[in-house]
Amino acid sequence: MINKKRILKFIFLIGLLSLASLFSVGCSLFDPASKFRPYDLRGTWRNNDNYRQRFTISSYGILTFYNDDGSYSTHYIENWDN
């Protein structure tokens, strides 16, 4: 009977340590300070199938689409600063 209690305590402690380690790993993977911002998307993005098709997002919120034939169109992203 005493051995069963020791085994149960041991299993309980292993389970408790497992839960504690899961919470510590889960909390360290989530960093609330690193939120996504549209500003993180700035740069040139290219189409994998057709490398000439691309779009560029500038640091001022200007979105420019470049087509296959060399033409392009420019758009402004609203609320870029927010």
PDB file of N, CA and C in Angstrom:
ATOM      1  N   MET A   1       0.805  -1.183   0.000  1.00  0.00           N
ATOM      2  CA  MET A   1       0.000   0.000   0.000  1.00  0.00           C
ATOM      3  C   MET A   1       0.859   1.263   0.000  1.00  0.00           C
ATOM      4  N   ILE A   2       1.967   1.220   0.748  1.00  0.00           N
ATOM      5  CA  ILE A   2       2.848   2.375   0.819  1.00  0.00           C
ATOM      6  C   ILE A   2       3.527   2.599  -0.540  1.00  0.00           C
ATOM      7  N   ASN A   3       3.888   1.533  -1.215  1.00  0.00           N
ATOM      8  CA  ASN A   3       4.524   1.657  -2.520  1.00  0.00           C
ATOM      9  C   ASN A   3       3.563   2.263  -3.540  1.00  0.00           C
ATOM     10  N   LYS A   4       2.273   1.926  -3.458  1.00  0.00           N
ATOM     11  CA  LYS A   4       1.290   2.490  -4.371  1.00  0.00           C
ATOM     12  C   LYS A   4       1.174   4.003  -4.158  1.00  0.00           C
ATOM     13  N   LYS A   5       1.218   4.451  -2.912  1.00  0.00           N
ATOM     14  CA  LYS A   5       1.133   5.879  -2.633  1.00  0.00           C
ATOM     15  C   LYS A   5       2.361   6.610  -3.173  1.00  0.00           C
ATOM     16  N   ARG A   6       3.526   5.992  -3.022  1.00  0.00           N
ATOM     17  CA  ARG A   6       4.746   6.607  -3.550  1.00  0.00           C
ATOM     18  C   ARG A   6       4.700   6.683  -5.070  1.00  0.00           C
ATOM     19  N   ILE A   7       4.216   5.635  -5.685  1.00  0.00           N
ATOM     20  CA  ILE A   7       4.111   5.625  -7.152  1.00  0.00           C
ATOM     21  C   ILE A   7       3.123   6.685  -7.614  1.00  0.00           C
ATOM     22  N   LEU A   8       1.998   6.816  -6.943  1.00  0.00           N
ATOM     23  CA  LEU A   8       1.008   7.825  -7.294  1.00  0.00           C
ATOM     24  C   LEU A   8       1.566   9.238  -7.090  1.00  0.00           C
ATOM     25  N   LYS A   9       2.298   9.456  -5.997  1.00  0.00           N
ATOM     26  CA  LYS A   9       2.921  10.757  -5.779  1.00  0.00           C
ATOM     27  C   LYS A   9       3.941  11.069  -6.876  1.00  0.00           C
ATOM     28  N   PHE A  10       4.715  10.051  -7.238  1.00  0.00           N
ATOM     29  CA  PHE A  10       5.711  10.237  -8.296  1.00  0.00           C
ATOM     30  C   PHE A  10       5.042  10.596  -9.622  1.00  0.00           C
ATOM     31  N   ILE A  11       3.986   9.889  -9.977  1.00  0.00           N
ATOM     32  CA  ILE A  11       3.250  10.164 -11.219  1.00  0.00           C
ATOM     33  C   ILE A  11       2.629  11.557 -11.166  1.00  0.00           C
ATOM     34  N   PHE A  12       2.080  11.923 -10.023  1.00  0.00           N
ATOM     35  CA  PHE A  12       1.494  13.242  -9.856  1.00  0.00           C
ATOM     36  C   PHE A  12       2.546  14.341 -10.037  1.00  0.00           C
ATOM     37  N   LEU A  13       3.725  14.146  -9.448  1.00  0.00           N
ATOM     38  CA  LEU A  13       4.798  15.132  -9.589  1.00  0.00           C
ATOM     39  C   LEU A  13       5.287  15.236 -11.035  1.00  0.00           C
ATOM     40  N   ILE A  14       5.397  14.110 -11.718  1.00  0.00           N
ATOM     41  CA  ILE A  14       5.799  14.125 -13.127  1.00  0.00           C
ATOM     42  C   ILE A  14       4.762  14.891 -13.949  1.00  0.00           C
ATOM     43  N   GLY A  15       3.489  14.632 -13.686  1.00  0.00           N
ATOM     44  CA  GLY A  15       2.425  15.345 -14.398  1.00  0.00           C
ATOM     45  C   GLY A  15       2.447  16.832 -14.109  1.00  0.00           C
ATOM     46  N   LEU A  16       2.661  17.187 -12.869  1.00  0.00           N
ATOM     47  CA  LEU A  16       2.715  18.596 -12.481  1.00  0.00           C
ATOM     48  C   LEU A  16       3.908  19.307 -13.137  1.00  0.00           C
ATOM     49  N   LEU A  17       5.058  18.662 -13.148  1.00  0.00           N
ATOM     50  CA  LEU A  17       6.229  19.237 -13.811  1.00  0.00           C
ATOM     51  C   LEU A  17       6.022  19.351 -15.318  1.00  0.00           C
ATOM     52  N   SER A  18       5.341  18.382 -15.905  1.00  0.00           N
ATOM     53  CA  SER A  18       5.050  18.445 -17.337  1.00  0.00           C
ATOM     54  C   SER A  18       4.154  19.635 -17.654  1.00  0.00           C
ATOM     55  N   LEU A  19       3.124  19.835 -16.861  1.00  0.00           N
ATOM     56  CA  LEU A  19       2.239  20.972 -17.070  1.00  0.00           C
ATOM     57  C   LEU A  19       2.969  22.299 -16.888  1.00  0.00           C
ATOM     58  N   ALA A  20       3.807  22.363 -15.879  1.00  0.00           N
ATOM     59  CA  ALA A  20       4.567  23.594 -15.641  1.00  0.00           C
ATOM     60  C   ALA A  20       5.500  23.882 -16.810  1.00  0.00           C
ATOM     61  N   SER A  21       6.130  22.857 -17.359  1.00  0.00           N
ATOM     62  CA  SER A  21       7.032  23.081 -18.492  1.00  0.00           C
ATOM     63  C   SER A  21       6.254  23.479 -19.741  1.00  0.00           C
ATOM     64  N   LEU A  22       5.059  22.924 -19.938  1.00  0.00           N
ATOM     65  CA  LEU A  22       4.238  23.328 -21.082  1.00  0.00           C
ATOM     66  C   LEU A  22       3.845  24.792 -20.985  1.00  0.00           C
ATOM     67  N   PHE A  23       3.470  25.251 -19.812  1.00  0.00           N
ATOM     68  CA  PHE A  23       3.098  26.645 -19.637  1.00  0.00           C
ATOM     69  C   PHE A  23       4.297  27.567 -19.836  1.00  0.00           C
ATOM     70  N   SER A  24       5.444  27.160 -19.358  1.00  0.00           N
ATOM     71  CA  SER A  24       6.620  28.022 -19.509  1.00  0.00           C
ATOM     72  C   SER A  24       7.048  28.112 -20.967  1.00  0.00           C
ATOM     73  N   VAL A  25       6.966  27.019 -21.706  1.00  0.00           N
ATOM     74  CA  VAL A  25       7.314  27.039 -23.123  1.00  0.00           C
ATOM     75  C   VAL A  25       6.273  27.835 -23.895  1.00  0.00           C
ATOM     76  N   GLY A  26       5.005  27.642 -23.597  1.00  0.00           N
ATOM     77  CA  GLY A  26       3.937  28.361 -24.279  1.00  0.00           C
ATOM     78  C   GLY A  26       4.014  29.851 -24.057  1.00  0.00           C
ATOM     79  N   CYS A  27       4.365  30.271 -22.890  1.00  0.00           N
ATOM     80  CA  CYS A  27       4.450  31.699 -22.596  1.00  0.00           C
ATOM     81  C   CYS A  27       5.686  32.329 -23.220  1.00  0.00           C
ATOM     82  N   SER A  28       6.758  31.585 -23.352  1.00  0.00           N
ATOM     83  CA  SER A  28       7.964  32.171 -23.923  1.00  0.00           C
ATOM     84  C   SER A  28       7.862  32.289 -25.442  1.00  0.00           C
ATOM     85  N   LEU A  29       7.032  31.468 -26.090  1.00  0.00           N
ATOM     86  CA  LEU A  29       6.876  31.560 -27.536  1.00  0.00           C
ATOM     87  C   LEU A  29       6.027  32.756 -27.929  1.00  0.00           C
ATOM     88  N   PHE A  30       5.136  33.197 -27.071  1.00  0.00           N
ATOM     89  CA  PHE A  30       4.266  34.329 -27.362  1.00  0.00           C
ATOM     90  C   PHE A  30       4.863  35.576 -26.759  1.00  0.00           C
ATOM     91  N   ASP A  31       5.269  36.475 -27.613  1.00  0.00           N
ATOM     92  CA  ASP A  31       5.855  37.732 -27.159  1.00  0.00           C
ATOM     93  C   ASP A  31       4.888  38.860 -27.496  1.00  0.00           C
ATOM     94  N   PRO A  32       4.158  39.387 -26.519  1.00  0.00           N
ATOM     95  CA  PRO A  32       3.162  40.410 -26.824  1.00  0.00           C
ATOM     96  C   PRO A  32       3.773  41.714 -27.313  1.00  0.00           C
ATOM     97  N   ALA A  33       5.054  41.916 -27.109  1.00  0.00           N
ATOM     98  CA  ALA A  33       5.687  43.148 -27.561  1.00  0.00           C
ATOM     99  C   ALA A  33       5.916  43.142 -29.072  1.00  0.00           C
ATOM    100  N   SER A  34       5.934  41.971 -29.694  1.00  0.00           N
ATOM    101  CA  SER A  34       6.194  41.884 -31.135  1.00  0.00           C
ATOM    102  C   SER A  34       4.878  41.742 -31.900  1.00  0.00           C
ATOM    103  N   LYS A  35       4.159  42.841 -32.023  1.00  0.00           N
ATOM    104  CA  LYS A  35       2.906  42.851 -32.765  1.00  0.00           C
ATOM    105  C   LYS A  35       3.185  43.122 -34.233  1.00  0.00           C
ATOM    106  N   PHE A  36       2.324  42.599 -35.088  1.00  0.00           N
ATOM    107  CA  PHE A  36       2.456  42.829 -36.517  1.00  0.00           C
ATOM    108  C   PHE A  36       2.056  44.259 -36.844  1.00  0.00           C
ATOM    109  N   ARG A  37       2.846  44.896 -37.682  1.00  0.00           N
ATOM    110  CA  ARG A  37       2.544  46.234 -38.166  1.00  0.00           C
ATOM    111  C   ARG A  37       2.632  46.213 -39.685  1.00  0.00           C
ATOM    112  N   PRO A  38       1.768  46.949 -40.374  1.00  0.00           N
ATOM    113  CA  PRO A  38       1.881  47.003 -41.832  1.00  0.00           C
ATOM    114  C   PRO A  38       3.252  47.503 -42.290  1.00  0.00           C
ATOM    115  N   TYR A  39       3.910  48.301 -41.454  1.00  0.00           N
ATOM    116  CA  TYR A  39       5.238  48.819 -41.778  1.00  0.00           C
ATOM    117  C   TYR A  39       6.238  47.681 -41.988  1.00  0.00           C
ATOM    118  N   ASP A  40       5.977  46.513 -41.374  1.00  0.00           N
ATOM    119  CA  ASP A  40       6.865  45.366 -41.526  1.00  0.00           C
ATOM    120  C   ASP A  40       6.839  44.784 -42.937  1.00  0.00           C
ATOM    121  N   LEU A  41       5.840  45.159 -43.745  1.00  0.00           N
ATOM    122  CA  LEU A  41       5.692  44.610 -45.095  1.00  0.00           C
ATOM    123  C   LEU A  41       6.447  45.415 -46.157  1.00  0.00           C
ATOM    124  N   ARG A  42       7.100  46.494 -45.780  1.00  0.00           N
ATOM    125  CA  ARG A  42       7.745  47.332 -46.789  1.00  0.00           C
ATOM    126  C   ARG A  42       8.842  46.565 -47.505  1.00  0.00           C
ATOM    127  N   GLY A  43       8.978  46.880 -48.793  1.00  0.00           N
ATOM    128  CA  GLY A  43       9.953  46.188 -49.622  1.00  0.00           C
ATOM    129  C   GLY A  43       9.319  45.785 -50.931  1.00  0.00           C
ATOM    130  N   THR A  44      10.032  44.996 -51.712  1.00  0.00           N
ATOM    131  CA  THR A  44       9.544  44.520 -53.007  1.00  0.00           C
ATOM    132  C   THR A  44       9.165  43.054 -52.894  1.00  0.00           C
ATOM    133  N   TRP A  45       7.979  42.738 -53.377  1.00  0.00           N
ATOM    134  CA  TRP A  45       7.439  41.379 -53.350  1.00  0.00           C
ATOM    135  C   TRP A  45       7.246  40.923 -54.786  1.00  0.00           C
ATOM    136  N   ARG A  46       7.793  39.769 -55.130  1.00  0.00           N
ATOM    137  CA  ARG A  46       7.755  39.275 -56.505  1.00  0.00           C
ATOM    138  C   ARG A  46       6.916  38.009 -56.620  1.00  0.00           C
ATOM    139  N   ASN A  47       6.366  37.822 -57.804  1.00  0.00           N
ATOM    140  CA  ASN A  47       5.603  36.629 -58.143  1.00  0.00           C
ATOM    141  C   ASN A  47       6.586  35.499 -58.444  1.00  0.00           C
ATOM    142  N   ASN A  48       6.401  34.353 -57.845  1.00  0.00           N
ATOM    143  CA  ASN A  48       7.307  33.229 -58.081  1.00  0.00           C
ATOM    144  C   ASN A  48       7.184  32.669 -59.494  1.00  0.00           C
ATOM    145  N   ASP A  49       5.972  32.709 -60.066  1.00  0.00           N
ATOM    146  CA  ASP A  49       5.765  32.154 -61.400  1.00  0.00           C
ATOM    147  C   ASP A  49       6.232  33.096 -62.498  1.00  0.00           C
ATOM    148  N   ASN A  50       6.082  34.400 -62.286  1.00  0.00           N
ATOM    149  CA  ASN A  50       6.507  35.389 -63.269  1.00  0.00           C
ATOM    150  C   ASN A  50       7.272  36.478 -62.514  1.00  0.00           C
ATOM    151  N   TYR A  51       8.574  36.443 -62.611  1.00  0.00           N
ATOM    152  CA  TYR A  51       9.434  37.302 -61.793  1.00  0.00           C
ATOM    153  C   TYR A  51       9.262  38.781 -62.112  1.00  0.00           C
ATOM    154  N   ARG A  52       8.754  39.098 -63.314  1.00  0.00           N
ATOM    155  CA  ARG A  52       8.589  40.504 -63.695  1.00  0.00           C
ATOM    156  C   ARG A  52       7.372  41.131 -63.019  1.00  0.00           C
ATOM    157  N   GLN A  53       6.425  40.334 -62.582  1.00  0.00           N
ATOM    158  CA  GLN A  53       5.273  40.866 -61.868  1.00  0.00           C
ATOM    159  C   GLN A  53       5.645  41.017 -60.405  1.00  0.00           C
ATOM    160  N   ARG A  54       5.460  42.215 -59.882  1.00  0.00           N
ATOM    161  CA  ARG A  54       5.860  42.471 -58.506  1.00  0.00           C
ATOM    162  C   ARG A  54       5.083  43.664 -57.970  1.00  0.00           C
ATOM    163  N   PHE A  55       5.178  43.876 -56.685  1.00  0.00           N
ATOM    164  CA  PHE A  55       4.666  45.101 -56.084  1.00  0.00           C
ATOM    165  C   PHE A  55       5.633  45.546 -55.002  1.00  0.00           C
ATOM    166  N   THR A  56       5.639  46.846 -54.784  1.00  0.00           N
ATOM    167  CA  THR A  56       6.560  47.455 -53.820  1.00  0.00           C
ATOM    168  C   THR A  56       5.763  48.274 -52.827  1.00  0.00           C
ATOM    169  N   ILE A  57       6.086  48.133 -51.567  1.00  0.00           N
ATOM    170  CA  ILE A  57       5.502  48.951 -50.511  1.00  0.00           C
ATOM    171  C   ILE A  57       6.628  49.814 -49.946  1.00  0.00           C
ATOM    172  N   SER A  58       6.459  51.127 -50.060  1.00  0.00           N
ATOM    173  CA  SER A  58       7.497  52.029 -49.573  1.00  0.00           C
ATOM    174  C   SER A  58       7.299  52.309 -48.091  1.00  0.00           C
ATOM    175  N   SER A  59       8.280  52.933 -47.496  1.00  0.00           N
ATOM    176  CA  SER A  59       8.184  53.250 -46.065  1.00  0.00           C
ATOM    177  C   SER A  59       7.195  54.384 -45.807  1.00  0.00           C
ATOM    178  N   TYR A  60       6.706  55.026 -46.877  1.00  0.00           N
ATOM    179  CA  TYR A  60       5.717  56.100 -46.740  1.00  0.00           C
ATOM    180  C   TYR A  60       4.291  55.623 -46.992  1.00  0.00           C
ATOM    181  N   GLY A  61       4.102  54.335 -47.239  1.00  0.00           N
ATOM    182  CA  GLY A  61       2.771  53.793 -47.467  1.00  0.00           C
ATOM    183  C   GLY A  61       2.317  53.876 -48.907  1.00  0.00           C
ATOM    184  N   ILE A  62       3.241  53.927 -49.843  1.00  0.00           N
ATOM    185  CA  ILE A  62       2.907  53.966 -51.264  1.00  0.00           C
ATOM    186  C   ILE A  62       3.045  52.551 -51.819  1.00  0.00           C
ATOM    187  N   LEU A  63       1.973  52.050 -52.400  1.00  0.00           N
ATOM    188  CA  LEU A  63       1.919  50.701 -52.955  1.00  0.00           C
ATOM    189  C   LEU A  63       1.971  50.819 -54.471  1.00  0.00           C
ATOM    190  N   THR A  64       2.966  50.222 -55.093  1.00  0.00           N
ATOM    191  CA  THR A  64       3.133  50.289 -56.536  1.00  0.00           C
ATOM    192  C   THR A  64       3.125  48.883 -57.110  1.00  0.00           C
ATOM    193  N   PHE A  65       2.208  48.642 -58.072  1.00  0.00           N
ATOM    194  CA  PHE A  65       2.114  47.361 -58.766  1.00  0.00           C
ATOM    195  C   PHE A  65       2.820  47.478 -60.111  1.00  0.00           C
ATOM    196  N   TYR A  66       3.704  46.542 -60.420  1.00  0.00           N
ATOM    197  CA  TYR A  66       4.399  46.495 -61.697  1.00  0.00           C
ATOM    198  C   TYR A  66       3.887  45.290 -62.471  1.00  0.00           C
ATOM    199  N   ASN A  67       3.411  45.537 -63.698  1.00  0.00           N
ATOM    200  CA  ASN A  67       2.854  44.475 -64.533  1.00  0.00           C
ATOM    201  C   ASN A  67       3.925  43.882 -65.436  1.00  0.00           C
ATOM    202  N   ASP A  68       3.561  42.814 -66.113  1.00  0.00           N
ATOM    203  CA  ASP A  68       4.463  42.091 -66.996  1.00  0.00           C
ATOM    204  C   ASP A  68       4.928  42.946 -68.173  1.00  0.00           C
ATOM    205  N   ASP A  69       4.060  43.818 -68.657  1.00  0.00           N
ATOM    206  CA  ASP A  69       4.381  44.618 -69.839  1.00  0.00           C
ATOM    207  C   ASP A  69       5.161  45.896 -69.507  1.00  0.00           C
ATOM    208  N   GLY A  70       5.507  46.110 -68.237  1.00  0.00           N
ATOM    209  CA  GLY A  70       6.271  47.270 -67.837  1.00  0.00           C
ATOM    210  C   GLY A  70       5.416  48.404 -67.294  1.00  0.00           C
ATOM    211  N   SER A  71       4.102  48.289 -67.404  1.00  0.00           N
ATOM    212  CA  SER A  71       3.242  49.334 -66.859  1.00  0.00           C
ATOM    213  C   SER A  71       3.141  49.174 -65.341  1.00  0.00           C
ATOM    214  N   TYR A  72       2.727  50.231 -64.681  1.00  0.00           N
ATOM    215  CA  TYR A  72       2.606  50.186 -63.231  1.00  0.00           C
ATOM    216  C   TYR A  72       1.477  51.100 -62.780  1.00  0.00           C
ATOM    217  N   SER A  73       1.015  50.870 -61.585  1.00  0.00           N
ATOM    218  CA  SER A  73      -0.007  51.729 -60.972  1.00  0.00           C
ATOM    219  C   SER A  73       0.374  51.951 -59.517  1.00  0.00           C
ATOM    220  N   THR A  74       0.076  53.150 -59.045  1.00  0.00           N
ATOM    221  CA  THR A  74       0.456  53.548 -57.695  1.00  0.00           C
ATOM    222  C   THR A  74      -0.792  53.808 -56.866  1.00  0.00           C
ATOM    223  N   HIS A  75      -0.775  53.331 -55.639  1.00  0.00           N
ATOM    224  CA  HIS A  75      -1.893  53.513 -54.710  1.00  0.00           C
ATOM    225  C   HIS A  75      -1.320  53.920 -53.348  1.00  0.00           C
ATOM    226  N   TYR A  76      -2.091  54.668 -52.616  1.00  0.00           N
ATOM    227  CA  TYR A  76      -1.683  55.097 -51.282  1.00  0.00           C
ATOM    228  C   TYR A  76      -2.451  54.296 -50.242  1.00  0.00           C
ATOM    229  N   ILE A  77      -1.774  53.804 -49.256  1.00  0.00           N
ATOM    230  CA  ILE A  77      -2.402  53.026 -48.187  1.00  0.00           C
ATOM    231  C   ILE A  77      -2.896  53.990 -47.114  1.00  0.00           C
ATOM    232  N   GLU A  78      -4.193  53.950 -46.846  1.00  0.00           N
ATOM    233  CA  GLU A  78      -4.768  54.831 -45.851  1.00  0.00           C
ATOM    234  C   GLU A  78      -4.339  54.419 -44.450  1.00  0.00           C
ATOM    235  N   ASN A  79      -4.216  55.377 -43.557  1.00  0.00           N
ATOM    236  CA  ASN A  79      -3.859  55.160 -42.152  1.00  0.00           C
ATOM    237  C   ASN A  79      -2.532  54.415 -42.000  1.00  0.00           C
ATOM    238  N   TRP A  80      -1.597  54.686 -42.874  1.00  0.00           N
ATOM    239  CA  TRP A  80      -0.290  54.002 -42.817  1.00  0.00           C
ATOM    240  C   TRP A  80       0.438  54.307 -41.514  1.00  0.00           C
ATOM    241  N   ASP A  81       0.304  55.520 -41.021  1.00  0.00           N
ATOM    242  CA  ASP A  81       1.016  55.906 -39.802  1.00  0.00           C
ATOM    243  C   ASP A  81       0.450  55.248 -38.557  1.00  0.00           C
ATOM    244  N   ASN A  82      -0.798  54.827 -38.620  1.00  0.00           N
ATOM    245  CA  ASN A  82      -1.420  54.209 -37.442  1.00  0.00           C
ATOM    246  C   ASN A  82      -1.118  52.754 -37.448  1.00  0.00           C
TER     247      ASN A  82
END
